PDB file of N, CA and C in Angstrom:
ATOM      1  N   MET A   1     -21.659 -89.760 -21.628  1.00  0.00           N
ATOM      2  CA  MET A   1     -21.289 -89.018 -20.435  1.00  0.00           C
ATOM      3  C   MET A   1     -21.124 -87.545 -20.822  1.00  0.00           C
ATOM      4  N   ASN A   2     -21.722 -86.676 -20.045  1.00  0.00           N
ATOM      5  CA  ASN A   2     -21.622 -85.237 -20.289  1.00  0.00           C
ATOM      6  C   ASN A   2     -20.602 -84.653 -19.325  1.00  0.00           C
ATOM      7  N   PHE A   3     -19.424 -84.317 -19.807  1.00  0.00           N
ATOM      8  CA  PHE A   3     -18.361 -83.812 -18.939  1.00  0.00           C
ATOM      9  C   PHE A   3     -18.636 -82.396 -18.456  1.00  0.00           C
ATOM     10  N   GLY A   4     -19.504 -81.677 -19.118  1.00  0.00           N
ATOM     11  CA  GLY A   4     -19.834 -80.309 -18.712  1.00  0.00           C
ATOM     12  C   GLY A   4     -20.649 -80.252 -17.435  1.00  0.00           C
ATOM     13  N   ARG A   5     -21.285 -81.337 -17.081  1.00  0.00           N
ATOM     14  CA  ARG A   5     -22.146 -81.345 -15.895  1.00  0.00           C
ATOM     15  C   ARG A   5     -21.552 -82.117 -14.723  1.00  0.00           C
ATOM     16  N   LEU A   6     -20.295 -82.487 -14.813  1.00  0.00           N
ATOM     17  CA  LEU A   6     -19.665 -83.210 -13.721  1.00  0.00           C
ATOM     18  C   LEU A   6     -19.302 -82.247 -12.599  1.00  0.00           C
ATOM     19  N   SER A   7     -19.542 -82.669 -11.378  1.00  0.00           N
ATOM     20  CA  SER A   7     -19.105 -81.873 -10.236  1.00  0.00           C
ATOM     21  C   SER A   7     -17.602 -82.090 -10.061  1.00  0.00           C
ATOM     22  N   THR A   8     -16.992 -81.290  -9.227  1.00  0.00           N
ATOM     23  CA  THR A   8     -15.563 -81.426  -8.972  1.00  0.00           C
ATOM     24  C   THR A   8     -15.251 -82.796  -8.387  1.00  0.00           C
ATOM     25  N   LYS A   9     -16.104 -83.250  -7.494  1.00  0.00           N
ATOM     26  CA  LYS A   9     -15.902 -84.557  -6.871  1.00  0.00           C
ATOM     27  C   LYS A   9     -16.025 -85.686  -7.892  1.00  0.00           C
ATOM     28  N   GLU A  10     -17.016 -85.606  -8.768  1.00  0.00           N
ATOM     29  CA  GLU A  10     -17.198 -86.624  -9.799  1.00  0.00           C
ATOM     30  C   GLU A  10     -16.039 -86.625 -10.784  1.00  0.00           C
ATOM     31  N   LEU A  11     -15.571 -85.438 -11.153  1.00  0.00           N
ATOM     32  CA  LEU A  11     -14.443 -85.322 -12.070  1.00  0.00           C
ATOM     33  C   LEU A  11     -13.178 -85.906 -11.444  1.00  0.00           C
ATOM     34  N   ALA A  12     -12.979 -85.673 -10.148  1.00  0.00           N
ATOM     35  CA  ALA A  12     -11.819 -86.236  -9.459  1.00  0.00           C
ATOM     36  C   ALA A  12     -11.908 -87.755  -9.411  1.00  0.00           C
ATOM     37  N   ALA A  13     -13.099 -88.297  -9.176  1.00  0.00           N
ATOM     38  CA  ALA A  13     -13.280 -89.753  -9.148  1.00  0.00           C
ATOM     39  C   ALA A  13     -13.011 -90.346 -10.532  1.00  0.00           C
ATOM     40  N   PHE A  14     -13.493 -89.672 -11.572  1.00  0.00           N
ATOM     41  CA  PHE A  14     -13.254 -90.120 -12.939  1.00  0.00           C
ATOM     42  C   PHE A  14     -11.760 -90.095 -13.253  1.00  0.00           C
ATOM     43  N   CYS A  15     -11.092 -89.043 -12.822  1.00  0.00           N
ATOM     44  CA  CYS A  15      -9.653 -88.908 -13.024  1.00  0.00           C
ATOM     45  C   CYS A  15      -8.902 -90.023 -12.297  1.00  0.00           C
ATOM     46  N   GLN A  16      -9.292 -90.286 -11.076  1.00  0.00           N
ATOM     47  CA  GLN A  16      -8.636 -91.329 -10.296  1.00  0.00           C
ATOM     48  C   GLN A  16      -8.822 -92.700 -10.943  1.00  0.00           C
ATOM     49  N   ARG A  17     -10.025 -92.990 -11.417  1.00  0.00           N
ATOM     50  CA  ARG A  17     -10.264 -94.278 -12.085  1.00  0.00           C
ATOM     51  C   ARG A  17      -9.442 -94.398 -13.359  1.00  0.00           C
ATOM     52  N   THR A  18      -9.344 -93.297 -14.115  1.00  0.00           N
ATOM     53  CA  THR A  18      -8.548 -93.294 -15.348  1.00  0.00           C
ATOM     54  C   THR A  18      -7.084 -93.587 -15.039  1.00  0.00           C
ATOM     55  N   LEU A  19      -6.562 -92.934 -14.009  1.00  0.00           N
ATOM     56  CA  LEU A  19      -5.161 -93.147 -13.635  1.00  0.00           C
ATOM     57  C   LEU A  19      -4.936 -94.556 -13.102  1.00  0.00           C
ATOM     58  N   THR A  20      -5.872 -95.083 -12.339  1.00  0.00           N
ATOM     59  CA  THR A  20      -5.746 -96.437 -11.797  1.00  0.00           C
ATOM     60  C   THR A  20      -5.710 -97.468 -12.921  1.00  0.00           C
ATOM     61  N   VAL A  21      -6.617 -97.332 -13.853  1.00  0.00           N
ATOM     62  CA  VAL A  21      -6.681 -98.276 -14.966  1.00  0.00           C
ATOM     63  C   VAL A  21      -5.443 -98.138 -15.853  1.00  0.00           C
ATOM     64  N   SER A  22      -4.997 -96.921 -16.108  1.00  0.00           N
ATOM     65  CA  SER A  22      -3.841 -96.726 -16.991  1.00  0.00           C
ATOM     66  C   SER A  22      -2.548 -97.220 -16.366  1.00  0.00           C
ATOM     67  N   ASN A  23      -2.513 -97.387 -15.056  1.00  0.00           N
ATOM     68  CA  ASN A  23      -1.311 -97.897 -14.385  1.00  0.00           C
ATOM     69  C   ASN A  23      -1.266 -99.420 -14.317  1.00  0.00           C
ATOM     70  N   GLU A  24      -2.295-100.089 -14.812  1.00  0.00           N
ATOM     71  CA  GLU A  24      -2.307-101.545 -14.822  1.00  0.00           C
ATOM     72  C   GLU A  24      -1.307-102.074 -15.849  1.00  0.00           C
ATOM     73  N   VAL A  25      -0.831-103.287 -15.600  1.00  0.00           N
ATOM     74  CA  VAL A  25       0.182-103.904 -16.468  1.00  0.00           C
ATOM     75  C   VAL A  25      -0.321-104.043 -17.903  1.00  0.00           C
ATOM     76  N   ALA A  26      -1.588-104.296 -18.075  1.00  0.00           N
ATOM     77  CA  ALA A  26      -2.154-104.483 -19.414  1.00  0.00           C
ATOM     78  C   ALA A  26      -2.040-103.218 -20.265  1.00  0.00           C
ATOM     79  N   TYR A  27      -1.913-102.066 -19.630  1.00  0.00           N
ATOM     80  CA  TYR A  27      -1.839-100.800 -20.361  1.00  0.00           C
ATOM     81  C   TYR A  27      -0.467-100.156 -20.200  1.00  0.00           C
ATOM     82  N   ALA A  28       0.576-100.960 -20.144  1.00  0.00           N
ATOM     83  CA  ALA A  28       1.942-100.455 -19.943  1.00  0.00           C
ATOM     84  C   ALA A  28       2.393 -99.547 -21.079  1.00  0.00           C
ATOM     85  N   ILE A  29       1.803 -99.672 -22.234  1.00  0.00           N
ATOM     86  CA  ILE A  29       2.198 -98.876 -23.392  1.00  0.00           C
ATOM     87  C   ILE A  29       1.889 -97.382 -23.204  1.00  0.00           C
ATOM     88  N   VAL A  30       0.898 -97.061 -22.353  1.00  0.00           N
ATOM     89  CA  VAL A  30       0.536 -95.658 -22.117  1.00  0.00           C
ATOM     90  C   VAL A  30       1.108 -95.126 -20.816  1.00  0.00           C
ATOM     91  N   ALA A  31       2.059 -95.842 -20.232  1.00  0.00           N
ATOM     92  CA  ALA A  31       2.577 -95.495 -18.906  1.00  0.00           C
ATOM     93  C   ALA A  31       3.152 -94.079 -18.838  1.00  0.00           C
ATOM     94  N   ASN A  32       3.879 -93.657 -19.853  1.00  0.00           N
ATOM     95  CA  ASN A  32       4.494 -92.323 -19.819  1.00  0.00           C
ATOM     96  C   ASN A  32       3.878 -91.369 -20.831  1.00  0.00           C
ATOM     97  N   HIS A  33       2.642 -91.566 -21.148  1.00  0.00           N
ATOM     98  CA  HIS A  33       1.966 -90.677 -22.101  1.00  0.00           C
ATOM     99  C   HIS A  33       1.847 -89.281 -21.479  1.00  0.00           C
ATOM    100  N   PRO A  34       2.183 -88.234 -22.253  1.00  0.00           N
ATOM    101  CA  PRO A  34       2.152 -86.865 -21.709  1.00  0.00           C
ATOM    102  C   PRO A  34       0.805 -86.460 -21.116  1.00  0.00           C
ATOM    103  N   LEU A  35      -0.278 -86.909 -21.717  1.00  0.00           N
ATOM    104  CA  LEU A  35      -1.599 -86.580 -21.188  1.00  0.00           C
ATOM    105  C   LEU A  35      -1.804 -87.202 -19.805  1.00  0.00           C
ATOM    106  N   LEU A  36      -1.417 -88.446 -19.639  1.00  0.00           N
ATOM    107  CA  LEU A  36      -1.580 -89.113 -18.343  1.00  0.00           C
ATOM    108  C   LEU A  36      -0.619 -88.547 -17.298  1.00  0.00           C
ATOM    109  N   VAL A  37       0.577 -88.159 -17.724  1.00  0.00           N
ATOM    110  CA  VAL A  37       1.522 -87.537 -16.793  1.00  0.00           C
ATOM    111  C   VAL A  37       0.955 -86.205 -16.293  1.00  0.00           C
ATOM    112  N   ALA A  38       0.410 -85.391 -17.216  1.00  0.00           N
ATOM    113  CA  ALA A  38      -0.205 -84.116 -16.824  1.00  0.00           C
ATOM    114  C   ALA A  38      -1.423 -84.353 -15.947  1.00  0.00           C
ATOM    115  N   LEU A  39      -2.223 -85.352 -16.275  1.00  0.00           N
ATOM    116  CA  LEU A  39      -3.400 -85.684 -15.482  1.00  0.00           C
ATOM    117  C   LEU A  39      -3.002 -86.093 -14.066  1.00  0.00           C
ATOM    118  N   GLN A  40      -1.931 -86.856 -13.940  1.00  0.00           N
ATOM    119  CA  GLN A  40      -1.442 -87.269 -12.627  1.00  0.00           C
ATOM    120  C   GLN A  40      -0.991 -86.057 -11.813  1.00  0.00           C
ATOM    121  N   GLU A  41      -0.311 -85.103 -12.449  1.00  0.00           N
ATOM    122  CA  GLU A  41       0.133 -83.886 -11.761  1.00  0.00           C
ATOM    123  C   GLU A  41      -1.059 -83.087 -11.244  1.00  0.00           C
ATOM    124  N   TYR A  42      -2.042 -82.874 -12.107  1.00  0.00           N
ATOM    125  CA  TYR A  42      -3.225 -82.109 -11.701  1.00  0.00           C
ATOM    126  C   TYR A  42      -3.985 -82.827 -10.592  1.00  0.00           C
ATOM    127  N   TYR A  43      -4.092 -84.155 -10.705  1.00  0.00           N
ATOM    128  CA  TYR A  43      -4.817 -84.909  -9.688  1.00  0.00           C
ATOM    129  C   TYR A  43      -4.083 -84.852  -8.351  1.00  0.00           C
ATOM    130  N   ASP A  44      -2.764 -84.962  -8.378  1.00  0.00           N
ATOM    131  CA  ASP A  44      -1.984 -84.892  -7.132  1.00  0.00           C
ATOM    132  C   ASP A  44      -2.172 -83.542  -6.446  1.00  0.00           C
ATOM    133  N   ASN A  45      -2.163 -82.458  -7.225  1.00  0.00           N
ATOM    134  CA  ASN A  45      -2.381 -81.123  -6.652  1.00  0.00           C
ATOM    135  C   ASN A  45      -3.785 -80.990  -6.062  1.00  0.00           C
ATOM    136  N   TYR A  46      -4.766 -81.539  -6.752  1.00  0.00           N
ATOM    137  CA  TYR A  46      -6.148 -81.493  -6.270  1.00  0.00           C
ATOM    138  C   TYR A  46      -6.306 -82.330  -5.011  1.00  0.00           C
ATOM    139  N   ASP A  47      -5.717 -83.527  -5.021  1.00  0.00           N
ATOM    140  CA  ASP A  47      -5.877 -84.461  -3.915  1.00  0.00           C
ATOM    141  C   ASP A  47      -5.307 -83.903  -2.619  1.00  0.00           C
ATOM    142  N   VAL A  48      -4.208 -83.184  -2.690  1.00  0.00           N
ATOM    143  CA  VAL A  48      -3.603 -82.590  -1.489  1.00  0.00           C
ATOM    144  C   VAL A  48      -4.571 -81.604  -0.840  1.00  0.00           C
ATOM    145  N   VAL A  49      -5.228 -80.799  -1.651  1.00  0.00           N
ATOM    146  CA  VAL A  49      -6.156 -79.794  -1.130  1.00  0.00           C
ATOM    147  C   VAL A  49      -7.471 -80.425  -0.695  1.00  0.00           C
ATOM    148  N   TYR A  50      -7.956 -81.383  -1.454  1.00  0.00           N
ATOM    149  CA  TYR A  50      -9.270 -81.974  -1.201  1.00  0.00           C
ATOM    150  C   TYR A  50      -9.304 -82.799   0.069  1.00  0.00           C
ATOM    151  N   VAL A  51      -8.246 -83.531   0.346  1.00  0.00           N
ATOM    152  CA  VAL A  51      -8.272 -84.434   1.494  1.00  0.00           C
ATOM    153  C   VAL A  51      -7.646 -83.827   2.747  1.00  0.00           C
ATOM    154  N   LYS A  52      -7.269 -82.555   2.702  1.00  0.00           N
ATOM    155  CA  LYS A  52      -6.647 -81.966   3.887  1.00  0.00           C
ATOM    156  C   LYS A  52      -7.651 -81.872   5.029  1.00  0.00           C
ATOM    157  N   LYS A  53      -7.140 -81.896   6.215  1.00  0.00           N
ATOM    158  CA  LYS A  53      -7.962 -81.862   7.409  1.00  0.00           C
ATOM    159  C   LYS A  53      -8.562 -80.468   7.574  1.00  0.00           C
ATOM    160  N   THR A  54      -9.876 -80.382   7.662  1.00  0.00           N
ATOM    161  CA  THR A  54     -10.525 -79.083   7.808  1.00  0.00           C
ATOM    162  C   THR A  54     -10.854 -78.769   9.259  1.00  0.00           C
ATOM    163  N   PHE A  55     -10.858 -79.784  10.110  1.00  0.00           N
ATOM    164  CA  PHE A  55     -11.178 -79.578  11.516  1.00  0.00           C
ATOM    165  C   PHE A  55      -9.884 -79.615  12.308  1.00  0.00           C
ATOM    166  N   SER A  56      -9.633 -78.593  13.082  1.00  0.00           N
ATOM    167  CA  SER A  56      -8.370 -78.475  13.806  1.00  0.00           C
ATOM    168  C   SER A  56      -8.301 -79.386  15.026  1.00  0.00           C
ATOM    169  N   GLY A  57      -9.439 -79.842  15.524  1.00  0.00           N
ATOM    170  CA  GLY A  57      -9.440 -80.664  16.719  1.00  0.00           C
ATOM    171  C   GLY A  57      -9.431 -79.849  18.002  1.00  0.00           C
ATOM    172  N   LYS A  58      -9.520 -78.540  17.884  1.00  0.00           N
ATOM    173  CA  LYS A  58      -9.470 -77.659  19.052  1.00  0.00           C
ATOM    174  C   LYS A  58     -10.845 -77.092  19.380  1.00  0.00           C
ATOM    175  N   GLY A  59     -11.893 -77.783  19.001  1.00  0.00           N
ATOM    176  CA  GLY A  59     -13.246 -77.285  19.186  1.00  0.00           C
ATOM    177  C   GLY A  59     -13.605 -76.996  20.631  1.00  0.00           C
ATOM    178  N   ILE A  60     -13.259 -77.885  21.538  1.00  0.00           N
ATOM    179  CA  ILE A  60     -13.602 -77.708  22.954  1.00  0.00           C
ATOM    180  C   ILE A  60     -12.808 -76.546  23.538  1.00  0.00           C
ATOM    181  N   LEU A  61     -11.537 -76.438  23.160  1.00  0.00           N
ATOM    182  CA  LEU A  61     -10.694 -75.341  23.630  1.00  0.00           C
ATOM    183  C   LEU A  61     -11.248 -73.998  23.152  1.00  0.00           C
ATOM    184  N   LEU A  62     -11.631 -73.940  21.881  1.00  0.00           N
ATOM    185  CA  LEU A  62     -12.194 -72.706  21.331  1.00  0.00           C
ATOM    186  C   LEU A  62     -13.549 -72.387  21.949  1.00  0.00           C
ATOM    187  N   LEU A  63     -14.333 -73.401  22.211  1.00  0.00           N
ATOM    188  CA  LEU A  63     -15.632 -73.187  22.838  1.00  0.00           C
ATOM    189  C   LEU A  63     -15.461 -72.569  24.217  1.00  0.00           C
ATOM    190  N   GLY A  64     -14.497 -73.046  24.984  1.00  0.00           N
ATOM    191  CA  GLY A  64     -14.234 -72.479  26.305  1.00  0.00           C
ATOM    192  C   GLY A  64     -13.762 -71.035  26.226  1.00  0.00           C
ATOM    193  N   ALA A  65     -12.866 -70.741  25.273  1.00  0.00           N
ATOM    194  CA  ALA A  65     -12.373 -69.372  25.103  1.00  0.00           C
ATOM    195  C   ALA A  65     -13.502 -68.443  24.668  1.00  0.00           C
ATOM    196  N   ASP A  66     -14.374 -68.919  23.768  1.00  0.00           N
ATOM    197  CA  ASP A  66     -15.522 -68.111  23.340  1.00  0.00           C
ATOM    198  C   ASP A  66     -16.463 -67.833  24.513  1.00  0.00           C
ATOM    199  N   GLY A  67     -16.674 -68.824  25.367  1.00  0.00           N
ATOM    200  CA  GLY A  67     -17.538 -68.634  26.535  1.00  0.00           C
ATOM    201  C   GLY A  67     -16.977 -67.597  27.486  1.00  0.00           C
ATOM    202  N   LYS A  68     -15.670 -67.635  27.742  1.00  0.00           N
ATOM    203  CA  LYS A  68     -15.037 -66.636  28.611  1.00  0.00           C
ATOM    204  C   LYS A  68     -15.162 -65.239  28.018  1.00  0.00           C
ATOM    205  N   ARG A  69     -14.919 -65.129  26.719  1.00  0.00           N
ATOM    206  CA  ARG A  69     -15.037 -63.831  26.047  1.00  0.00           C
ATOM    207  C   ARG A  69     -16.473 -63.312  26.121  1.00  0.00           C
ATOM    208  N   ASP A  70     -17.443 -64.196  25.858  1.00  0.00           N
ATOM    209  CA  ASP A  70     -18.846 -63.787  25.912  1.00  0.00           C
ATOM    210  C   ASP A  70     -19.244 -63.345  27.309  1.00  0.00           C
ATOM    211  N   ASN A  71     -18.768 -64.056  28.335  1.00  0.00           N
ATOM    212  CA  ASN A  71     -19.066 -63.665  29.719  1.00  0.00           C
ATOM    213  C   ASN A  71     -18.468 -62.304  30.048  1.00  0.00           C
ATOM    214  N   PHE A  72     -17.245 -62.079  29.609  1.00  0.00           N
ATOM    215  CA  PHE A  72     -16.588 -60.801  29.871  1.00  0.00           C
ATOM    216  C   PHE A  72     -17.365 -59.653  29.228  1.00  0.00           C
ATOM    217  N   PHE A  73     -17.682 -59.785  27.929  1.00  0.00           N
ATOM    218  CA  PHE A  73     -18.393 -58.706  27.246  1.00  0.00           C
ATOM    219  C   PHE A  73     -19.823 -58.559  27.744  1.00  0.00           C
ATOM    220  N   GLY A  74     -20.449 -59.661  28.141  1.00  0.00           N
ATOM    221  CA  GLY A  74     -21.786 -59.572  28.722  1.00  0.00           C
ATOM    222  C   GLY A  74     -21.765 -58.812  30.033  1.00  0.00           C
ATOM    223  N   GLY A  75     -20.763 -59.079  30.882  1.00  0.00           N
ATOM    224  CA  GLY A  75     -20.619 -58.343  32.139  1.00  0.00           C
ATOM    225  C   GLY A  75     -20.337 -56.876  31.914  1.00  0.00           C
ATOM    226  N   LEU A  76     -19.473 -56.586  30.943  1.00  0.00           N
ATOM    227  CA  LEU A  76     -19.164 -55.188  30.614  1.00  0.00           C
ATOM    228  C   LEU A  76     -20.420 -54.460  30.119  1.00  0.00           C
ATOM    229  N   LYS A  77     -21.206 -55.149  29.320  1.00  0.00           N
ATOM    230  CA  LYS A  77     -22.459 -54.553  28.828  1.00  0.00           C
ATOM    231  C   LYS A  77     -23.406 -54.275  29.994  1.00  0.00           C
ATOM    232  N   ASP A  78     -23.504 -55.207  30.931  1.00  0.00           N
ATOM    233  CA  ASP A  78     -24.364 -55.013  32.100  1.00  0.00           C
ATOM    234  C   ASP A  78     -23.931 -53.800  32.916  1.00  0.00           C
ATOM    235  N   ILE A  79     -22.623 -53.623  33.072  1.00  0.00           N
ATOM    236  CA  ILE A  79     -22.110 -52.460  33.807  1.00  0.00           C
ATOM    237  C   ILE A  79     -22.490 -51.167  33.090  1.00  0.00           C
ATOM    238  N   LEU A  80     -22.296 -51.130  31.780  1.00  0.00           N
ATOM    239  CA  LEU A  80     -22.613 -49.918  31.024  1.00  0.00           C
ATOM    240  C   LEU A  80     -24.105 -49.617  31.031  1.00  0.00           C
ATOM    241  N   VAL A  81     -24.925 -50.659  30.930  1.00  0.00           N
ATOM    242  CA  VAL A  81     -26.378 -50.454  30.993  1.00  0.00           C
ATOM    243  C   VAL A  81     -26.762 -49.934  32.371  1.00  0.00           C
ATOM    244  N   GLY A  82     -26.142 -50.467  33.422  1.00  0.00           N
ATOM    245  CA  GLY A  82     -26.407 -49.997  34.785  1.00  0.00           C
ATOM    246  C   GLY A  82     -26.032 -48.528  34.951  1.00  0.00           C
ATOM    247  N   TYR A  83     -24.872 -48.132  34.447  1.00  0.00           N
ATOM    248  CA  TYR A  83     -24.474 -46.727  34.522  1.00  0.00           C
ATOM    249  C   TYR A  83     -25.419 -45.823  33.748  1.00  0.00           C
ATOM    250  N   SER A  84     -25.916 -46.308  32.619  1.00  0.00           N
ATOM    251  CA  SER A  84     -26.808 -45.466  31.822  1.00  0.00           C
ATOM    252  C   SER A  84     -28.155 -45.240  32.518  1.00  0.00           C
ATOM    253  N   LYS A  85     -28.526 -46.112  33.455  1.00  0.00           N
ATOM    254  CA  LYS A  85     -29.799 -45.979  34.158  1.00  0.00           C
ATOM    255  C   LYS A  85     -29.698 -45.143  35.432  1.00  0.00           C
ATOM    256  N   LEU A  86     -28.494 -44.763  35.804  1.00  0.00           N
ATOM    257  CA  LEU A  86     -28.337 -43.922  36.989  1.00  0.00           C
ATOM    258  C   LEU A  86     -28.929 -42.542  36.724  1.00  0.00           C
ATOM    259  N   SER A  87     -29.573 -41.995  37.738  1.00  0.00           N
ATOM    260  CA  SER A  87     -30.185 -40.665  37.560  1.00  0.00           C
ATOM    261  C   SER A  87     -29.334 -39.580  38.207  1.00  0.00           C
ATOM    262  N   ILE A  88     -28.120 -39.887  38.573  1.00  0.00           N
ATOM    263  CA  ILE A  88     -27.241 -38.917  39.191  1.00  0.00           C
ATOM    264  C   ILE A  88     -26.595 -38.086  38.091  1.00  0.00           C
ATOM    265  N   THR A  89     -26.606 -36.790  38.284  1.00  0.00           N
ATOM    266  CA  THR A  89     -25.977 -35.890  37.330  1.00  0.00           C
ATOM    267  C   THR A  89     -24.572 -35.606  37.807  1.00  0.00           C
ATOM    268  N   PHE A  90     -23.635 -35.833  36.965  1.00  0.00           N
ATOM    269  CA  PHE A  90     -22.235 -35.559  37.290  1.00  0.00           C
ATOM    270  C   PHE A  90     -21.866 -34.197  36.722  1.00  0.00           C
ATOM    271  N   THR A  91     -21.224 -33.393  37.534  1.00  0.00           N
ATOM    272  CA  THR A  91     -20.742 -32.100  37.042  1.00  0.00           C
ATOM    273  C   THR A  91     -19.227 -32.079  37.169  1.00  0.00           C
ATOM    274  N   ILE A  92     -18.613 -31.506  36.213  1.00  0.00           N
ATOM    275  CA  ILE A  92     -17.159 -31.379  36.236  1.00  0.00           C
ATOM    276  C   ILE A  92     -16.834 -29.956  36.639  1.00  0.00           C
ATOM    277  N   GLY A  93     -16.110 -29.843  37.739  1.00  0.00           N
ATOM    278  CA  GLY A  93     -15.739 -28.507  38.248  1.00  0.00           C
ATOM    279  C   GLY A  93     -16.925 -27.807  38.898  1.00  0.00           C
ATOM    280  N   THR A  94     -16.670 -26.660  39.493  1.00  0.00           N
ATOM    281  CA  THR A  94     -17.760 -25.918  40.131  1.00  0.00           C
ATOM    282  C   THR A  94     -17.759 -24.467  39.744  1.00  0.00           C
TER     283      THR A  94
END
């Protein structure tokens, strides 16, 4: 096995399997080994970040807000384009 070419996901799976096997009754002698304790700490920190929810569940709400914003700015752009096409000259003061 080449550990230099493992992806983060593969390394986490390898770590999880190592911890699972080391927690079995047959391997009780290594239960509090400093290396396994440190490995468990690192894996717990990784697992919290890796499995966190990335989707907020507010997709439809955000889609509606984006549509309203796009309509507003599209209308504003249409107004400005319309004003730019007017051929009336405005003079300030006389």
